[in-house]
Amino acid sequence: MDQKGLIRAVAERTGLSREESADISRAVLEGLVDQLSDGEARRLAAELPDLAEQLQARRRRRAEAHPVKLQDFIKQVSERTAMTDEDTRAGAGAAIAPPLRSAC
């Protein structure tokens, strides 16, 4: 999925505006990248090539993952976006959910 597809999916799943969806998507990805090992970050960058340069530029190099508690992650994303906890939870869930499949 590319960046536009991710933003569109977040907007569809949450009812947030495109701008809010873009903000939350970016903040969630940044928050995830901050927790990943180098290998995991490279795999994420390969999946989202249009964001890879931005994500790698802000990344702290770590050999191992550095996970945070979900509550702390939501708080960090909420602070990055200035969104409510409710919107942050919905947006974060939508951003990391598997892509929607079209019905045949």
PDB file of N, CA and C in Angstrom:
ATOM      1  N   MET A   1       0.859  -1.177   0.000  1.00  0.00           N
ATOM      2  CA  MET A   1       0.000   0.000   0.000  1.00  0.00           C
ATOM      3  C   MET A   1       0.898   1.231   0.000  1.00  0.00           C
ATOM      4  N   ASP A   2       0.551   2.202  -0.812  1.00  0.00           N
ATOM      5  CA  ASP A   2       1.319   3.445  -0.832  1.00  0.00           C
ATOM      6  C   ASP A   2       0.737   4.437   0.174  1.00  0.00           C
ATOM      7  N   GLN A   3       1.398   5.575   0.286  1.00  0.00           N
ATOM      8  CA  GLN A   3       1.002   6.578   1.282  1.00  0.00           C
ATOM      9  C   GLN A   3      -0.432   7.057   1.054  1.00  0.00           C
ATOM     10  N   LYS A   4      -0.796   7.339  -0.170  1.00  0.00           N
ATOM     11  CA  LYS A   4      -2.157   7.812  -0.453  1.00  0.00           C
ATOM     12  C   LYS A   4      -3.191   6.745  -0.109  1.00  0.00           C
ATOM     13  N   GLY A   5      -2.869   5.497  -0.405  1.00  0.00           N
ATOM     14  CA  GLY A   5      -3.782   4.408  -0.077  1.00  0.00           C
ATOM     15  C   GLY A   5      -3.964   4.248   1.423  1.00  0.00           C
ATOM     16  N   LEU A   6      -2.876   4.397   2.166  1.00  0.00           N
ATOM     17  CA  LEU A   6      -2.952   4.318   3.620  1.00  0.00           C
ATOM     18  C   LEU A   6      -3.818   5.438   4.175  1.00  0.00           C
ATOM     19  N   ILE A   7      -3.599   6.647   3.715  1.00  0.00           N
ATOM     20  CA  ILE A   7      -4.377   7.800   4.188  1.00  0.00           C
ATOM     21  C   ILE A   7      -5.850   7.625   3.848  1.00  0.00           C
ATOM     22  N   ARG A   8      -6.128   7.178   2.644  1.00  0.00           N
ATOM     23  CA  ARG A   8      -7.516   6.947   2.224  1.00  0.00           C
ATOM     24  C   ARG A   8      -8.177   5.869   3.091  1.00  0.00           C
ATOM     25  N   ALA A   9      -7.448   4.794   3.371  1.00  0.00           N
ATOM     26  CA  ALA A   9      -8.001   3.712   4.200  1.00  0.00           C
ATOM     27  C   ALA A   9      -8.282   4.202   5.623  1.00  0.00           C
ATOM     28  N   VAL A  10      -7.380   4.998   6.183  1.00  0.00           N
ATOM     29  CA  VAL A  10      -7.591   5.526   7.531  1.00  0.00           C
ATOM     30  C   VAL A  10      -8.822   6.424   7.543  1.00  0.00           C
ATOM     31  N   ALA A  11      -8.965   7.281   6.534  1.00  0.00           N
ATOM     32  CA  ALA A  11     -10.130   8.169   6.458  1.00  0.00           C
ATOM     33  C   ALA A  11     -11.426   7.358   6.354  1.00  0.00           C
ATOM     34  N   GLU A  12     -11.416   6.323   5.531  1.00  0.00           N
ATOM     35  CA  GLU A  12     -12.616   5.491   5.354  1.00  0.00           C
ATOM     36  C   GLU A  12     -12.974   4.737   6.631  1.00  0.00           C
ATOM     37  N   ARG A  13     -11.982   4.241   7.324  1.00  0.00           N
ATOM     38  CA  ARG A  13     -12.222   3.437   8.522  1.00  0.00           C
ATOM     39  C   ARG A  13     -12.640   4.272   9.726  1.00  0.00           C
ATOM     40  N   THR A  14     -12.224   5.536   9.768  1.00  0.00           N
ATOM     41  CA  THR A  14     -12.438   6.342  10.974  1.00  0.00           C
ATOM     42  C   THR A  14     -13.415   7.488  10.811  1.00  0.00           C
ATOM     43  N   GLY A  15     -13.607   7.961   9.588  1.00  0.00           N
ATOM     44  CA  GLY A  15     -14.420   9.152   9.381  1.00  0.00           C
ATOM     45  C   GLY A  15     -13.639  10.438   9.611  1.00  0.00           C
ATOM     46  N   LEU A  16     -12.330  10.312   9.853  1.00  0.00           N
ATOM     47  CA  LEU A  16     -11.490  11.500   9.997  1.00  0.00           C
ATOM     48  C   LEU A  16     -11.297  12.147   8.620  1.00  0.00           C
ATOM     49  N   SER A  17     -10.979  13.431   8.615  1.00  0.00           N
ATOM     50  CA  SER A  17     -10.701  14.115   7.353  1.00  0.00           C
ATOM     51  C   SER A  17      -9.423  13.554   6.736  1.00  0.00           C
ATOM     52  N   ARG A  18      -9.193  13.856   5.463  1.00  0.00           N
ATOM     53  CA  ARG A  18      -7.958  13.408   4.806  1.00  0.00           C
ATOM     54  C   ARG A  18      -6.735  13.999   5.511  1.00  0.00           C
ATOM     55  N   GLU A  19      -6.826  15.266   5.901  1.00  0.00           N
ATOM     56  CA  GLU A  19      -5.709  15.910   6.585  1.00  0.00           C
ATOM     57  C   GLU A  19      -5.426  15.235   7.932  1.00  0.00           C
ATOM     58  N   GLU A  20      -6.481  14.977   8.705  1.00  0.00           N
ATOM     59  CA  GLU A  20      -6.318  14.292   9.986  1.00  0.00           C
ATOM     60  C   GLU A  20      -5.778  12.877   9.777  1.00  0.00           C
ATOM     61  N   SER A  21      -6.273  12.215   8.750  1.00  0.00           N
ATOM     62  CA  SER A  21      -5.816  10.862   8.443  1.00  0.00           C
ATOM     63  C   SER A  21      -4.347  10.856   8.048  1.00  0.00           C
ATOM     64  N   ALA A  22      -3.925  11.862   7.298  1.00  0.00           N
ATOM     65  CA  ALA A  22      -2.513  11.975   6.925  1.00  0.00           C
ATOM     66  C   ALA A  22      -1.656  12.216   8.163  1.00  0.00           C
ATOM     67  N   ASP A  23      -2.118  13.103   9.038  1.00  0.00           N
ATOM     68  CA  ASP A  23      -1.370  13.406  10.263  1.00  0.00           C
ATOM     69  C   ASP A  23      -1.235  12.175  11.150  1.00  0.00           C
ATOM     70  N   ILE A  24      -2.339  11.473  11.349  1.00  0.00           N
ATOM     71  CA  ILE A  24      -2.299  10.314  12.240  1.00  0.00           C
ATOM     72  C   ILE A  24      -1.479   9.195  11.617  1.00  0.00           C
ATOM     73  N   SER A  25      -1.588   9.003  10.323  1.00  0.00           N
ATOM     74  CA  SER A  25      -0.806   7.958   9.645  1.00  0.00           C
ATOM     75  C   SER A  25       0.681   8.228   9.790  1.00  0.00           C
ATOM     76  N   ARG A  26       1.075   9.452   9.559  1.00  0.00           N
ATOM     77  CA  ARG A  26       2.483   9.833   9.662  1.00  0.00           C
ATOM     78  C   ARG A  26       2.978   9.655  11.103  1.00  0.00           C
ATOM     79  N   ALA A  27       2.185  10.100  12.069  1.00  0.00           N
ATOM     80  CA  ALA A  27       2.582   9.999  13.473  1.00  0.00           C
ATOM     81  C   ALA A  27       2.687   8.542  13.923  1.00  0.00           C
ATOM     82  N   VAL A  28       1.772   7.701  13.473  1.00  0.00           N
ATOM     83  CA  VAL A  28       1.814   6.282  13.826  1.00  0.00           C
ATOM     84  C   VAL A  28       3.063   5.637  13.232  1.00  0.00           C
ATOM     85  N   LEU A  29       3.341   5.915  11.963  1.00  0.00           N
ATOM     86  CA  LEU A  29       4.527   5.334  11.339  1.00  0.00           C
ATOM     87  C   LEU A  29       5.806   5.813  12.013  1.00  0.00           C
ATOM     88  N   GLU A  30       5.864   7.092  12.343  1.00  0.00           N
ATOM     89  CA  GLU A  30       7.033   7.615  13.049  1.00  0.00           C
ATOM     90  C   GLU A  30       7.190   6.937  14.408  1.00  0.00           C
ATOM     91  N   GLY A  31       6.079   6.776  15.112  1.00  0.00           N
ATOM     92  CA  GLY A  31       6.117   6.115  16.409  1.00  0.00           C
ATOM     93  C   GLY A  31       6.552   4.671  16.313  1.00  0.00           C
ATOM     94  N   LEU A  32       6.098   3.986  15.272  1.00  0.00           N
ATOM     95  CA  LEU A  32       6.514   2.600  15.080  1.00  0.00           C
ATOM     96  C   LEU A  32       7.993   2.521  14.730  1.00  0.00           C
ATOM     97  N   VAL A  33       8.435   3.390  13.850  1.00  0.00           N
ATOM     98  CA  VAL A  33       9.838   3.388  13.436  1.00  0.00           C
ATOM     99  C   VAL A  33      10.753   3.621  14.634  1.00  0.00           C
ATOM    100  N   ASP A  34      10.323   4.473  15.549  1.00  0.00           N
ATOM    101  CA  ASP A  34      11.124   4.733  16.749  1.00  0.00           C
ATOM    102  C   ASP A  34      11.326   3.474  17.596  1.00  0.00           C
ATOM    103  N   GLN A  35      10.453   2.492  17.436  1.00  0.00           N
ATOM    104  CA  GLN A  35      10.506   1.270  18.247  1.00  0.00           C
ATOM    105  C   GLN A  35      11.187   0.093  17.552  1.00  0.00           C
ATOM    106  N   LEU A  36      11.409   0.201  16.260  1.00  0.00           N
ATOM    107  CA  LEU A  36      11.877  -0.939  15.476  1.00  0.00           C
ATOM    108  C   LEU A  36      13.386  -1.114  15.497  1.00  0.00           C
ATOM    109  N   SER A  37      13.807  -2.351  15.309  1.00  0.00           N
ATOM    110  CA  SER A  37      15.220  -2.628  15.081  1.00  0.00           C
ATOM    111  C   SER A  37      15.560  -2.161  13.665  1.00  0.00           C
ATOM    112  N   ASP A  38      16.838  -2.122  13.335  1.00  0.00           N
ATOM    113  CA  ASP A  38      17.250  -1.695  11.994  1.00  0.00           C
ATOM    114  C   ASP A  38      16.632  -2.569  10.900  1.00  0.00           C
ATOM    115  N   GLY A  39      16.658  -3.878  11.099  1.00  0.00           N
ATOM    116  CA  GLY A  39      16.104  -4.789  10.091  1.00  0.00           C
ATOM    117  C   GLY A  39      14.605  -4.595   9.903  1.00  0.00           C
ATOM    118  N   GLU A  40      13.884  -4.430  11.007  1.00  0.00           N
ATOM    119  CA  GLU A  40      12.440  -4.204  10.930  1.00  0.00           C
ATOM    120  C   GLU A  40      12.139  -2.888  10.230  1.00  0.00           C
ATOM    121  N   ALA A  41      12.927  -1.856  10.514  1.00  0.00           N
ATOM    122  CA  ALA A  41      12.722  -0.553   9.883  1.00  0.00           C
ATOM    123  C   ALA A  41      12.963  -0.643   8.373  1.00  0.00           C
ATOM    124  N   ARG A  42      13.959  -1.405   7.970  1.00  0.00           N
ATOM    125  CA  ARG A  42      14.222  -1.572   6.528  1.00  0.00           C
ATOM    126  C   ARG A  42      13.058  -2.283   5.845  1.00  0.00           C
ATOM    127  N   ARG A  43      12.484  -3.283   6.520  1.00  0.00           N
ATOM    128  CA  ARG A  43      11.337  -3.996   5.936  1.00  0.00           C
ATOM    129  C   ARG A  43      10.130  -3.074   5.800  1.00  0.00           C
ATOM    130  N   LEU A  44       9.886  -2.236   6.811  1.00  0.00           N
ATOM    131  CA  LEU A  44       8.777  -1.282   6.726  1.00  0.00           C
ATOM    132  C   LEU A  44       9.016  -0.295   5.592  1.00  0.00           C
ATOM    133  N   ALA A  45      10.241   0.191   5.464  1.00  0.00           N
ATOM    134  CA  ALA A  45      10.579   1.136   4.395  1.00  0.00           C
ATOM    135  C   ALA A  45      10.369   0.494   3.023  1.00  0.00           C
ATOM    136  N   ALA A  46      10.647  -0.790   2.901  1.00  0.00           N
ATOM    137  CA  ALA A  46      10.437  -1.484   1.631  1.00  0.00           C
ATOM    138  C   ALA A  46       8.952  -1.573   1.289  1.00  0.00           C
ATOM    139  N   GLU A  47       8.101  -1.677   2.313  1.00  0.00           N
ATOM    140  CA  GLU A  47       6.656  -1.748   2.101  1.00  0.00           C
ATOM    141  C   GLU A  47       6.041  -0.389   1.762  1.00  0.00           C
ATOM    142  N   LEU A  48       6.669   0.680   2.215  1.00  0.00           N
ATOM    143  CA  LEU A  48       6.164   2.040   1.993  1.00  0.00           C
ATOM    144  C   LEU A  48       7.266   2.897   1.368  1.00  0.00           C
ATOM    145  N   PRO A  49       7.632   2.601   0.114  1.00  0.00           N
ATOM    146  CA  PRO A  49       8.780   3.284  -0.490  1.00  0.00           C
ATOM    147  C   PRO A  49       8.638   4.797  -0.586  1.00  0.00           C
ATOM    148  N   ASP A  50       7.425   5.322  -0.732  1.00  0.00           N
ATOM    149  CA  ASP A  50       7.278   6.778  -0.835  1.00  0.00           C
ATOM    150  C   ASP A  50       7.486   7.473   0.505  1.00  0.00           C
ATOM    151  N   LEU A  51       7.490   6.721   1.604  1.00  0.00           N
ATOM    152  CA  LEU A  51       7.769   7.282   2.928  1.00  0.00           C
ATOM    153  C   LEU A  51       9.132   6.871   3.458  1.00  0.00           C
ATOM    154  N   ALA A  52       9.822   5.984   2.767  1.00  0.00           N
ATOM    155  CA  ALA A  52      11.056   5.395   3.272  1.00  0.00           C
ATOM    156  C   ALA A  52      12.099   6.441   3.641  1.00  0.00           C
ATOM    157  N   GLU A  53      12.313   7.411   2.804  1.00  0.00           N
ATOM    158  CA  GLU A  53      13.341   8.417   3.071  1.00  0.00           C
ATOM    159  C   GLU A  53      13.019   9.222   4.329  1.00  0.00           C
ATOM    160  N   GLN A  54      11.762   9.641   4.470  1.00  0.00           N
ATOM    161  CA  GLN A  54      11.347  10.396   5.654  1.00  0.00           C
ATOM    162  C   GLN A  54      11.521   9.565   6.925  1.00  0.00           C
ATOM    163  N   LEU A  55      11.109   8.307   6.864  1.00  0.00           N
ATOM    164  CA  LEU A  55      11.174   7.450   8.040  1.00  0.00           C
ATOM    165  C   LEU A  55      12.621   7.151   8.426  1.00  0.00           C
ATOM    166  N   GLN A  56      13.461   6.891   7.449  1.00  0.00           N
ATOM    167  CA  GLN A  56      14.863   6.594   7.742  1.00  0.00           C
ATOM    168  C   GLN A  56      15.590   7.824   8.281  1.00  0.00           C
ATOM    169  N   ALA A  57      15.226   9.008   7.809  1.00  0.00           N
ATOM    170  CA  ALA A  57      15.892  10.235   8.242  1.00  0.00           C
ATOM    171  C   ALA A  57      15.679  10.499   9.732  1.00  0.00           C
ATOM    172  N   ARG A  58      14.530  10.158  10.249  1.00  0.00           N
ATOM    173  CA  ARG A  58      14.241  10.448  11.659  1.00  0.00           C
ATOM    174  C   ARG A  58      14.564   9.278  12.588  1.00  0.00           C
ATOM    175  N   ARG A  59      14.970   8.201  12.021  1.00  0.00           N
ATOM    176  CA  ARG A  59      15.166   6.976  12.769  1.00  0.00           C
ATOM    177  C   ARG A  59      16.408   6.999  13.649  1.00  0.00           C
ATOM    178  N   ARG A  60      16.248   6.504  14.853  1.00  0.00           N
ATOM    179  CA  ARG A  60      17.380   6.271  15.744  1.00  0.00           C
ATOM    180  C   ARG A  60      17.873   4.858  15.464  1.00  0.00           C
ATOM    181  N   ARG A  61      19.116   4.720  15.164  1.00  0.00           N
ATOM    182  CA  ARG A  61      19.676   3.397  14.840  1.00  0.00           C
ATOM    183  C   ARG A  61      19.721   2.517  16.084  1.00  0.00           C
ATOM    184  N   ARG A  62      19.106   1.348  15.959  1.00  0.00           N
ATOM    185  CA  ARG A  62      19.094   0.385  17.064  1.00  0.00           C
ATOM    186  C   ARG A  62      19.238  -1.017  16.498  1.00  0.00           C
ATOM    187  N   ALA A  63      20.077  -1.794  17.123  1.00  0.00           N
ATOM    188  CA  ALA A  63      20.210  -3.189  16.709  1.00  0.00           C
ATOM    189  C   ALA A  63      18.979  -3.988  17.114  1.00  0.00           C
ATOM    190  N   GLU A  64      18.392  -3.623  18.248  1.00  0.00           N
ATOM    191  CA  GLU A  64      17.225  -4.340  18.750  1.00  0.00           C
ATOM    192  C   GLU A  64      16.015  -3.426  18.821  1.00  0.00           C
ATOM    193  N   ALA A  65      14.844  -4.031  18.831  1.00  0.00           N
ATOM    194  CA  ALA A  65      13.593  -3.270  18.953  1.00  0.00           C
ATOM    195  C   ALA A  65      13.514  -2.616  20.330  1.00  0.00           C
ATOM    196  N   HIS A  66      12.758  -1.548  20.411  1.00  0.00           N
ATOM    197  CA  HIS A  66      12.560  -0.811  21.670  1.00  0.00           C
ATOM    198  C   HIS A  66      11.062  -0.532  21.824  1.00  0.00           C
ATOM    199  N   PRO A  67      10.283  -1.579  22.149  1.00  0.00           N
ATOM    200  CA  PRO A  67       8.828  -1.397  22.234  1.00  0.00           C
ATOM    201  C   PRO A  67       8.405  -0.539  23.429  1.00  0.00           C
ATOM    202  N   VAL A  68       7.270   0.122  23.265  1.00  0.00           N
ATOM    203  CA  VAL A  68       6.665   0.883  24.361  1.00  0.00           C
ATOM    204  C   VAL A  68       5.265   0.327  24.602  1.00  0.00           C
ATOM    205  N   LYS A  69       4.735   0.592  25.773  1.00  0.00           N
ATOM    206  CA  LYS A  69       3.380   0.145  26.091  1.00  0.00           C
ATOM    207  C   LYS A  69       2.385   0.852  25.184  1.00  0.00           C
ATOM    208  N   LEU A  70       1.290   0.182  24.892  1.00  0.00           N
ATOM    209  CA  LEU A  70       0.262   0.743  24.018  1.00  0.00           C
ATOM    210  C   LEU A  70      -0.228   2.091  24.529  1.00  0.00           C
ATOM    211  N   GLN A  71      -0.480   2.195  25.808  1.00  0.00           N
ATOM    212  CA  GLN A  71      -0.958   3.447  26.396  1.00  0.00           C
ATOM    213  C   GLN A  71       0.048   4.581  26.141  1.00  0.00           C
ATOM    214  N   ASP A  72       1.329   4.292  26.277  1.00  0.00           N
ATOM    215  CA  ASP A  72       2.367   5.301  26.021  1.00  0.00           C
ATOM    216  C   ASP A  72       2.443   5.653  24.541  1.00  0.00           C
ATOM    217  N   PHE A  73       2.286   4.646  23.685  1.00  0.00           N
ATOM    218  CA  PHE A  73       2.308   4.877  22.244  1.00  0.00           C
ATOM    219  C   PHE A  73       1.167   5.803  21.830  1.00  0.00           C
ATOM    220  N   ILE A  74      -0.042   5.528  22.322  1.00  0.00           N
ATOM    221  CA  ILE A  74      -1.203   6.361  22.001  1.00  0.00           C
ATOM    222  C   ILE A  74      -0.968   7.788  22.487  1.00  0.00           C
ATOM    223  N   LYS A  75      -0.417   7.933  23.668  1.00  0.00           N
ATOM    224  CA  LYS A  75      -0.128   9.262  24.208  1.00  0.00           C
ATOM    225  C   LYS A  75       0.876  10.001  23.318  1.00  0.00           C
ATOM    226  N   GLN A  76       1.924   9.311  22.875  1.00  0.00           N
ATOM    227  CA  GLN A  76       2.928   9.931  22.007  1.00  0.00           C
ATOM    228  C   GLN A  76       2.317  10.371  20.681  1.00  0.00           C
ATOM    229  N   VAL A  77       1.503   9.507  20.090  1.00  0.00           N
ATOM    230  CA  VAL A  77       0.863   9.846  18.812  1.00  0.00           C
ATOM    231  C   VAL A  77      -0.103  11.008  19.008  1.00  0.00           C
ATOM    232  N   SER A  78      -0.862  10.995  20.094  1.00  0.00           N
ATOM    233  CA  SER A  78      -1.794  12.075  20.393  1.00  0.00           C
ATOM    234  C   SER A  78      -1.050  13.407  20.535  1.00  0.00           C
ATOM    235  N   GLU A  79       0.103  13.377  21.187  1.00  0.00           N
ATOM    236  CA  GLU A  79       0.898  14.601  21.339  1.00  0.00           C
ATOM    237  C   GLU A  79       1.440  15.093  20.001  1.00  0.00           C
ATOM    238  N   ARG A  80       1.821  14.170  19.124  1.00  0.00           N
ATOM    239  CA  ARG A  80       2.331  14.548  17.802  1.00  0.00           C
ATOM    240  C   ARG A  80       1.261  15.182  16.928  1.00  0.00           C
ATOM    241  N   THR A  81       0.021  14.746  17.112  1.00  0.00           N
ATOM    242  CA  THR A  81      -1.060  15.197  16.231  1.00  0.00           C
ATOM    243  C   THR A  81      -1.992  16.215  16.862  1.00  0.00           C
ATOM    244  N   ALA A  82      -1.939  16.363  18.180  1.00  0.00           N
ATOM    245  CA  ALA A  82      -2.868  17.222  18.926  1.00  0.00           C
ATOM    246  C   ALA A  82      -4.311  16.757  18.750  1.00  0.00           C
ATOM    247  N   MET A  83      -4.491  15.445  18.571  1.00  0.00           N
ATOM    248  CA  MET A  83      -5.823  14.858  18.441  1.00  0.00           C
ATOM    249  C   MET A  83      -6.245  14.271  19.784  1.00  0.00           C
ATOM    250  N   THR A  84      -7.543  14.073  19.947  1.00  0.00           N
ATOM    251  CA  THR A  84      -8.054  13.466  21.173  1.00  0.00           C
ATOM    252  C   THR A  84      -7.580  12.017  21.270  1.00  0.00           C
ATOM    253  N   ASP A  85      -7.601  11.473  22.479  1.00  0.00           N
ATOM    254  CA  ASP A  85      -7.223  10.067  22.654  1.00  0.00           C
ATOM    255  C   ASP A  85      -8.139   9.149  21.842  1.00  0.00           C
ATOM    256  N   GLU A  86      -9.421   9.474  21.806  1.00  0.00           N
ATOM    257  CA  GLU A  86     -10.383   8.650  21.057  1.00  0.00           C
ATOM    258  C   GLU A  86     -10.049   8.629  19.566  1.00  0.00           C
ATOM    259  N   ASP A  87      -9.826   9.803  18.976  1.00  0.00           N
ATOM    260  CA  ASP A  87      -9.465   9.866  17.555  1.00  0.00           C
ATOM    261  C   ASP A  87      -8.108   9.226  17.303  1.00  0.00           C
ATOM    262  N   THR A  88      -7.190   9.398  18.246  1.00  0.00           N
ATOM    263  CA  THR A  88      -5.867   8.800  18.104  1.00  0.00           C
ATOM    264  C   THR A  88      -5.962   7.285  18.110  1.00  0.00           C
ATOM    265  N   ARG A  89      -6.739   6.735  19.032  1.00  0.00           N
ATOM    266  CA  ARG A  89      -6.906   5.274  19.081  1.00  0.00           C
ATOM    267  C   ARG A  89      -7.533   4.751  17.788  1.00  0.00           C
ATOM    268  N   ALA A  90      -8.569   5.418  17.324  1.00  0.00           N
ATOM    269  CA  ALA A  90      -9.229   4.983  16.091  1.00  0.00           C
ATOM    270  C   ALA A  90      -8.277   5.094  14.907  1.00  0.00           C
ATOM    271  N   GLY A  91      -7.587   6.212  14.810  1.00  0.00           N
ATOM    272  CA  GLY A  91      -6.670   6.425  13.693  1.00  0.00           C
ATOM    273  C   GLY A  91      -5.487   5.480  13.722  1.00  0.00           C
ATOM    274  N   ALA A  92      -4.924   5.248  14.906  1.00  0.00           N
ATOM    275  CA  ALA A  92      -3.787   4.331  15.023  1.00  0.00           C
ATOM    276  C   ALA A  92      -4.211   2.913  14.646  1.00  0.00           C
ATOM    277  N   GLY A  93      -5.373   2.499  15.125  1.00  0.00           N
ATOM    278  CA  GLY A  93      -5.879   1.174  14.776  1.00  0.00           C
ATOM    279  C   GLY A  93      -6.100   1.027  13.279  1.00  0.00           C
ATOM    280  N   ALA A  94      -6.638   2.065  12.667  1.00  0.00           N
ATOM    281  CA  ALA A  94      -6.885   2.027  11.225  1.00  0.00           C
ATOM    282  C   ALA A  94      -5.584   2.030  10.435  1.00  0.00           C
ATOM    283  N   ALA A  95      -4.579   2.737  10.922  1.00  0.00           N
ATOM    284  CA  ALA A  95      -3.309   2.831  10.203  1.00  0.00           C
ATOM    285  C   ALA A  95      -2.538   1.509  10.222  1.00  0.00           C
ATOM    286  N   ILE A  96      -2.678   0.735  11.283  1.00  0.00           N
ATOM    287  CA  ILE A  96      -1.918  -0.516  11.365  1.00  0.00           C
ATOM    288  C   ILE A  96      -2.739  -1.747  10.990  1.00  0.00           C
ATOM    289  N   ALA A  97      -4.033  -1.556  10.732  1.00  0.00           N
ATOM    290  CA  ALA A  97      -4.889  -2.679  10.335  1.00  0.00           C
ATOM    291  C   ALA A  97      -4.505  -3.173   8.944  1.00  0.00           C
ATOM    292  N   PRO A  98      -4.747  -4.444   8.685  1.00  0.00           N
ATOM    293  CA  PRO A  98      -4.464  -4.973   7.342  1.00  0.00           C
ATOM    294  C   PRO A  98      -5.265  -4.210   6.287  1.00  0.00           C
ATOM    295  N   PRO A  99      -4.744  -4.147   5.072  1.00  0.00           N
ATOM    296  CA  PRO A  99      -5.468  -3.451   3.991  1.00  0.00           C
ATOM    297  C   PRO A  99      -6.849  -4.063   3.762  1.00  0.00           C
ATOM    298  N   LEU A 100      -7.788  -3.211   3.408  1.00  0.00           N
ATOM    299  CA  LEU A 100      -9.128  -3.678   3.082  1.00  0.00           C
ATOM    300  C   LEU A 100      -9.097  -4.413   1.757  1.00  0.00           C
ATOM    301  N   ARG A 101      -9.828  -5.481   1.687  1.00  0.00           N
ATOM    302  CA  ARG A 101      -9.920  -6.264   0.446  1.00  0.00           C
ATOM    303  C   ARG A 101     -11.235  -5.952  -0.218  1.00  0.00           C
ATOM    304  N   SER A 102     -11.197  -5.789  -1.529  1.00  0.00           N
ATOM    305  CA  SER A 102     -12.431  -5.539  -2.281  1.00  0.00           C
ATOM    306  C   SER A 102     -13.221  -6.835  -2.411  1.00  0.00           C
ATOM    307  N   ALA A 103     -14.526  -6.723  -2.262  1.00  0.00           N
ATOM    308  CA  ALA A 103     -15.392  -7.889  -2.448  1.00  0.00           C
ATOM    309  C   ALA A 103     -15.527  -8.171  -3.931  1.00  0.00           C
ATOM    310  N   CYS A 104     -15.468  -9.423  -4.308  1.00  0.00           N
ATOM    311  CA  CYS A 104     -15.571  -9.802  -5.729  1.00  0.00           C
ATOM    312  C   CYS A 104     -16.993 -10.083  -6.106  1.00  0.00           C
TER     313      CYS A 104
END
